[in-house]
N, C-alpha and C. Protein backbone atom coordinates (compact mmCIF):
# COMPACT_ATOMS: atom_id res chain seq x y z
N UNK A 1 -3.98 -2.82 8.88
CA UNK A 1 -4.55 -2.18 7.71
C UNK A 1 -5.86 -2.90 7.38
N UNK A 2 -6.91 -2.15 7.15
CA UNK A 2 -8.19 -2.75 6.79
C UNK A 2 -8.34 -2.80 5.26
N UNK A 3 -9.44 -3.39 4.79
CA UNK A 3 -9.65 -3.57 3.36
C UNK A 3 -9.68 -2.23 2.62
N UNK A 4 -10.34 -1.23 3.21
CA UNK A 4 -10.42 0.08 2.56
C UNK A 4 -9.03 0.68 2.36
N UNK A 5 -8.22 0.64 3.40
CA UNK A 5 -6.86 1.18 3.32
C UNK A 5 -6.01 0.39 2.33
N UNK A 6 -6.16 -0.93 2.32
CA UNK A 6 -5.39 -1.78 1.42
C UNK A 6 -5.69 -1.45 -0.04
N UNK A 7 -6.95 -1.36 -0.38
CA UNK A 7 -7.32 -1.08 -1.77
C UNK A 7 -6.89 0.33 -2.17
N UNK A 8 -7.14 1.30 -1.30
CA UNK A 8 -6.77 2.69 -1.61
C UNK A 8 -5.25 2.83 -1.80
N UNK A 9 -4.48 2.27 -0.86
CA UNK A 9 -3.02 2.39 -0.94
C UNK A 9 -2.47 1.67 -2.17
N UNK A 10 -3.00 0.50 -2.47
CA UNK A 10 -2.53 -0.25 -3.63
C UNK A 10 -2.88 0.48 -4.92
N UNK A 11 -4.09 1.00 -4.98
CA UNK A 11 -4.52 1.74 -6.18
C UNK A 11 -3.62 2.96 -6.41
N UNK A 12 -3.36 3.69 -5.35
CA UNK A 12 -2.52 4.89 -5.47
C UNK A 12 -1.08 4.52 -5.82
N UNK A 13 -0.56 3.46 -5.20
CA UNK A 13 0.80 3.02 -5.49
C UNK A 13 0.95 2.63 -6.97
N UNK A 14 -0.13 2.13 -7.56
CA UNK A 14 -0.11 1.74 -8.96
C UNK A 14 -0.53 2.87 -9.90
N UNK A 15 -0.78 4.06 -9.33
CA UNK A 15 -1.10 5.23 -10.14
C UNK A 15 -2.43 5.13 -10.87
N UNK A 16 -3.40 4.48 -10.23
CA UNK A 16 -4.71 4.30 -10.86
C UNK A 16 -5.76 5.19 -10.21
N UNK A 17 -6.72 5.61 -11.00
CA UNK A 17 -7.89 6.30 -10.46
C UNK A 17 -8.92 5.24 -10.07
N UNK A 18 -9.90 5.66 -9.31
CA UNK A 18 -10.98 4.72 -8.97
C UNK A 18 -11.68 4.24 -10.24
N UNK A 19 -11.87 5.14 -11.19
CA UNK A 19 -12.56 4.79 -12.43
C UNK A 19 -11.76 3.75 -13.23
N UNK A 20 -10.45 3.92 -13.30
CA UNK A 20 -9.65 2.95 -14.06
C UNK A 20 -9.61 1.59 -13.36
N UNK A 21 -9.56 1.58 -12.03
CA UNK A 21 -9.63 0.32 -11.31
C UNK A 21 -10.98 -0.35 -11.54
N UNK A 22 -12.03 0.44 -11.54
CA UNK A 22 -13.38 -0.10 -11.77
C UNK A 22 -13.45 -0.76 -13.15
N UNK A 23 -12.91 -0.10 -14.17
CA UNK A 23 -12.93 -0.68 -15.52
C UNK A 23 -12.14 -1.98 -15.55
N UNK A 24 -10.95 -1.98 -14.95
CA UNK A 24 -10.10 -3.18 -14.95
C UNK A 24 -10.75 -4.34 -14.23
N UNK A 25 -11.50 -4.05 -13.19
CA UNK A 25 -12.07 -5.11 -12.36
C UNK A 25 -13.54 -5.37 -12.68
N UNK A 26 -14.04 -4.71 -13.72
CA UNK A 26 -15.41 -4.88 -14.20
C UNK A 26 -16.45 -4.62 -13.09
N UNK A 27 -16.28 -3.50 -12.44
CA UNK A 27 -17.25 -3.04 -11.45
C UNK A 27 -17.44 -1.55 -11.65
N UNK A 28 -18.16 -0.91 -10.77
CA UNK A 28 -18.40 0.53 -10.93
C UNK A 28 -17.44 1.34 -10.06
N UNK A 29 -17.23 2.58 -10.47
CA UNK A 29 -16.40 3.49 -9.69
C UNK A 29 -17.04 3.73 -8.35
N UNK A 30 -18.37 3.76 -8.30
CA UNK A 30 -19.09 3.96 -7.04
C UNK A 30 -18.80 2.82 -6.07
N UNK A 31 -18.72 1.59 -6.59
CA UNK A 31 -18.43 0.44 -5.73
C UNK A 31 -17.01 0.57 -5.15
N UNK A 32 -16.06 0.96 -5.98
CA UNK A 32 -14.68 1.16 -5.50
C UNK A 32 -14.67 2.25 -4.42
N UNK A 33 -15.39 3.33 -4.68
CA UNK A 33 -15.47 4.44 -3.72
C UNK A 33 -16.06 3.97 -2.39
N UNK A 34 -17.10 3.16 -2.45
CA UNK A 34 -17.73 2.67 -1.22
C UNK A 34 -16.81 1.74 -0.45
N UNK A 35 -16.03 0.93 -1.16
CA UNK A 35 -15.05 0.05 -0.49
C UNK A 35 -13.99 0.91 0.18
N UNK A 36 -13.41 1.84 -0.57
CA UNK A 36 -12.35 2.69 -0.03
C UNK A 36 -12.85 3.58 1.10
N UNK A 37 -14.10 3.93 1.08
CA UNK A 37 -14.68 4.77 2.13
C UNK A 37 -15.09 3.98 3.37
N UNK A 38 -14.99 2.66 3.28
CA UNK A 38 -15.36 1.82 4.41
C UNK A 38 -16.86 1.58 4.54
N UNK A 39 -17.62 1.99 3.52
CA UNK A 39 -19.06 1.78 3.55
C UNK A 39 -19.44 0.34 3.24
N UNK A 40 -18.56 -0.34 2.50
CA UNK A 40 -18.77 -1.73 2.11
C UNK A 40 -17.57 -2.53 2.57
N UNK A 41 -17.83 -3.68 3.15
CA UNK A 41 -16.75 -4.59 3.55
C UNK A 41 -16.67 -5.69 2.50
N UNK A 42 -15.67 -5.62 1.63
CA UNK A 42 -15.61 -6.58 0.52
C UNK A 42 -15.24 -7.98 1.00
N UNK A 43 -15.69 -8.97 0.25
CA UNK A 43 -15.32 -10.35 0.54
C UNK A 43 -13.85 -10.56 0.18
N UNK A 44 -13.31 -11.66 0.63
CA UNK A 44 -11.93 -12.02 0.27
C UNK A 44 -11.83 -12.18 -1.24
N UNK A 45 -12.84 -12.78 -1.86
CA UNK A 45 -12.83 -12.94 -3.32
C UNK A 45 -12.78 -11.58 -4.03
N UNK A 46 -13.57 -10.63 -3.55
CA UNK A 46 -13.57 -9.29 -4.16
C UNK A 46 -12.22 -8.61 -3.97
N UNK A 47 -11.65 -8.71 -2.77
CA UNK A 47 -10.31 -8.13 -2.54
C UNK A 47 -9.31 -8.73 -3.51
N UNK A 48 -9.33 -10.04 -3.64
CA UNK A 48 -8.41 -10.71 -4.56
C UNK A 48 -8.58 -10.24 -5.99
N UNK A 49 -9.84 -10.10 -6.42
CA UNK A 49 -10.13 -9.65 -7.79
C UNK A 49 -9.62 -8.24 -8.02
N UNK A 50 -9.85 -7.34 -7.06
CA UNK A 50 -9.39 -5.96 -7.21
C UNK A 50 -7.86 -5.89 -7.24
N UNK A 51 -7.23 -6.66 -6.39
CA UNK A 51 -5.76 -6.66 -6.37
C UNK A 51 -5.20 -7.25 -7.66
N UNK A 52 -5.81 -8.34 -8.16
CA UNK A 52 -5.35 -8.92 -9.44
C UNK A 52 -5.48 -7.91 -10.57
N UNK A 53 -6.55 -7.10 -10.54
CA UNK A 53 -6.75 -6.07 -11.57
C UNK A 53 -5.63 -5.03 -11.54
N UNK A 54 -4.93 -4.95 -10.39
CA UNK A 54 -3.82 -4.00 -10.25
C UNK A 54 -2.47 -4.71 -10.37
N UNK A 55 -2.49 -5.98 -10.76
CA UNK A 55 -1.25 -6.73 -10.94
C UNK A 55 -0.64 -7.20 -9.63
N UNK A 56 -1.45 -7.32 -8.60
CA UNK A 56 -0.96 -7.78 -7.30
C UNK A 56 -1.81 -8.94 -6.84
N UNK A 57 -1.40 -9.59 -5.76
CA UNK A 57 -2.19 -10.70 -5.25
C UNK A 57 -2.36 -10.59 -3.75
N UNK A 58 -3.44 -11.18 -3.28
CA UNK A 58 -3.75 -11.18 -1.87
C UNK A 58 -3.16 -12.43 -1.25
N UNK A 59 -2.44 -12.27 -0.15
CA UNK A 59 -1.90 -13.41 0.60
C UNK A 59 -2.46 -13.36 2.00
N UNK A 60 -3.07 -14.46 2.42
CA UNK A 60 -3.61 -14.56 3.75
C UNK A 60 -2.79 -15.55 4.55
N UNK A 61 -2.68 -15.31 5.83
CA UNK A 61 -1.95 -16.23 6.70
C UNK A 61 -2.63 -16.26 8.05
N UNK A 62 -2.57 -17.40 8.68
CA UNK A 62 -3.07 -17.53 10.05
C UNK A 62 -1.87 -17.57 10.98
N UNK A 63 -1.92 -16.77 12.01
CA UNK A 63 -0.83 -16.75 12.99
C UNK A 63 -1.41 -17.01 14.37
N UNK A 64 -0.65 -17.67 15.22
CA UNK A 64 -1.17 -17.94 16.56
C UNK A 64 -1.47 -16.64 17.30
N UNK A 65 -2.58 -16.63 17.97
CA UNK A 65 -2.97 -15.47 18.75
C UNK A 65 -2.80 -15.76 20.23
N UNK A 66 -3.13 -14.80 21.05
CA UNK A 66 -3.01 -15.03 22.49
C UNK A 66 -4.00 -16.09 22.95
N UNK A 67 -3.57 -16.88 23.89
CA UNK A 67 -4.45 -17.92 24.44
C UNK A 67 -5.42 -17.28 25.41
N UNK A 68 -6.64 -17.71 25.33
CA UNK A 68 -7.66 -17.21 26.26
C UNK A 68 -7.54 -17.95 27.59
N UNK A 69 -7.93 -17.28 28.64
CA UNK A 69 -8.00 -17.89 29.97
C UNK A 69 -6.67 -18.44 30.48
N UNK A 70 -5.59 -17.78 30.18
CA UNK A 70 -4.30 -18.21 30.71
C UNK A 70 -4.20 -17.78 32.17
N UNK A 71 -3.51 -18.59 32.92
CA UNK A 71 -3.35 -18.25 34.34
C UNK A 71 -2.35 -17.10 34.48
N UNK A 72 -2.38 -16.44 35.61
CA UNK A 72 -1.44 -15.35 35.88
C UNK A 72 -0.01 -15.86 35.78
N UNK A 73 0.24 -17.06 36.25
CA UNK A 73 1.60 -17.64 36.18
C UNK A 73 2.01 -17.82 34.73
N UNK A 74 1.11 -18.33 33.90
CA UNK A 74 1.42 -18.52 32.48
C UNK A 74 1.67 -17.18 31.78
N UNK A 75 0.87 -16.18 32.12
CA UNK A 75 1.05 -14.85 31.52
C UNK A 75 2.39 -14.24 31.91
N UNK A 76 2.75 -14.35 33.19
CA UNK A 76 4.04 -13.82 33.65
C UNK A 76 5.19 -14.51 32.95
N UNK A 77 5.12 -15.84 32.82
CA UNK A 77 6.18 -16.60 32.14
C UNK A 77 6.30 -16.17 30.68
N UNK A 78 5.16 -15.95 30.03
CA UNK A 78 5.20 -15.52 28.63
C UNK A 78 5.85 -14.16 28.48
N UNK A 79 5.55 -13.24 29.40
CA UNK A 79 6.15 -11.91 29.35
C UNK A 79 7.64 -11.99 29.61
N UNK A 80 8.04 -12.76 30.58
CA UNK A 80 9.47 -12.89 30.91
C UNK A 80 10.26 -13.51 29.77
N UNK A 81 9.62 -14.37 28.98
CA UNK A 81 10.32 -15.07 27.90
C UNK A 81 10.19 -14.36 26.55
N UNK A 82 9.55 -13.21 26.52
CA UNK A 82 9.40 -12.50 25.25
C UNK A 82 10.37 -11.32 25.18
N UNK A 83 10.64 -10.91 23.95
CA UNK A 83 11.53 -9.77 23.73
C UNK A 83 10.73 -8.48 23.83
N UNK A 84 11.40 -7.36 24.12
CA UNK A 84 10.68 -6.08 24.25
C UNK A 84 9.84 -5.74 23.02
N UNK A 85 10.36 -5.99 21.82
CA UNK A 85 9.60 -5.70 20.60
C UNK A 85 8.32 -6.51 20.52
N UNK A 86 8.40 -7.78 20.94
CA UNK A 86 7.21 -8.63 20.94
C UNK A 86 6.18 -8.10 21.95
N UNK A 87 6.67 -7.68 23.10
CA UNK A 87 5.76 -7.15 24.12
C UNK A 87 5.07 -5.90 23.62
N UNK A 88 5.84 -5.02 22.96
CA UNK A 88 5.26 -3.80 22.43
C UNK A 88 4.19 -4.12 21.39
N UNK A 89 4.47 -5.07 20.49
CA UNK A 89 3.50 -5.44 19.45
C UNK A 89 2.22 -5.98 20.08
N UNK A 90 2.35 -6.78 21.13
CA UNK A 90 1.17 -7.33 21.80
C UNK A 90 0.35 -6.23 22.47
N UNK A 91 1.04 -5.28 23.08
CA UNK A 91 0.33 -4.18 23.74
C UNK A 91 -0.38 -3.32 22.68
N UNK A 92 0.28 -3.06 21.56
CA UNK A 92 -0.33 -2.27 20.50
C UNK A 92 -1.57 -2.98 19.94
N UNK A 93 -1.46 -4.29 19.74
CA UNK A 93 -2.60 -5.06 19.24
C UNK A 93 -3.76 -5.04 20.23
N UNK A 94 -3.45 -5.19 21.50
CA UNK A 94 -4.48 -5.15 22.53
C UNK A 94 -5.15 -3.78 22.57
N UNK A 95 -4.35 -2.73 22.43
CA UNK A 95 -4.90 -1.37 22.43
C UNK A 95 -5.87 -1.18 21.27
N UNK A 96 -5.50 -1.67 20.07
CA UNK A 96 -6.38 -1.55 18.91
C UNK A 96 -7.68 -2.33 19.14
N UNK A 97 -7.55 -3.53 19.71
CA UNK A 97 -8.74 -4.34 19.98
C UNK A 97 -9.67 -3.63 20.96
N UNK A 98 -9.12 -3.13 22.04
CA UNK A 98 -9.94 -2.46 23.04
C UNK A 98 -10.58 -1.19 22.49
N UNK A 99 -9.86 -0.46 21.66
CA UNK A 99 -10.41 0.73 21.03
C UNK A 99 -11.57 0.37 20.11
N UNK A 100 -11.40 -0.70 19.32
CA UNK A 100 -12.48 -1.10 18.41
C UNK A 100 -13.70 -1.60 19.18
N UNK A 101 -13.48 -2.30 20.30
CA UNK A 101 -14.59 -2.77 21.12
C UNK A 101 -15.32 -1.57 21.72
N UNK A 102 -14.56 -0.61 22.19
CA UNK A 102 -15.15 0.60 22.79
C UNK A 102 -16.02 1.33 21.79
N UNK A 103 -15.57 1.36 20.52
CA UNK A 103 -16.34 2.06 19.47
C UNK A 103 -17.44 1.17 18.90
N UNK A 104 -17.45 -0.08 19.29
CA UNK A 104 -18.46 -0.99 18.76
C UNK A 104 -18.17 -1.45 17.36
N UNK A 105 -16.88 -1.40 16.97
CA UNK A 105 -16.48 -1.80 15.64
C UNK A 105 -15.54 -3.00 15.74
N UNK A 106 -16.01 -4.20 15.37
CA UNK A 106 -15.10 -5.34 15.41
C UNK A 106 -13.97 -5.16 14.41
N UNK A 107 -12.82 -5.73 14.75
CA UNK A 107 -11.68 -5.61 13.87
C UNK A 107 -11.84 -6.46 12.65
């Protein structure tokens, strides 16, 4: 989920209009619209402020990603030692990455 989807879904889940969120967060409805439309990529601080205005909070976490430059032997061992659900999640993530690279849009 990207920032636009997060703000839109949270706003709708809380039953707020863009205008009411703008008033609560002391910004303009146009700014909220541009964020939700993906025209503006908000900072982490802005995301946190918008979510707080809706009574929610932003939680960030770092998770280990795939290692770069792994040998074929290491990759095979990792696949053999992973569960099918983990493999599917990795393939889905790789597919999203490749699609975004193809479109020229970093994730």
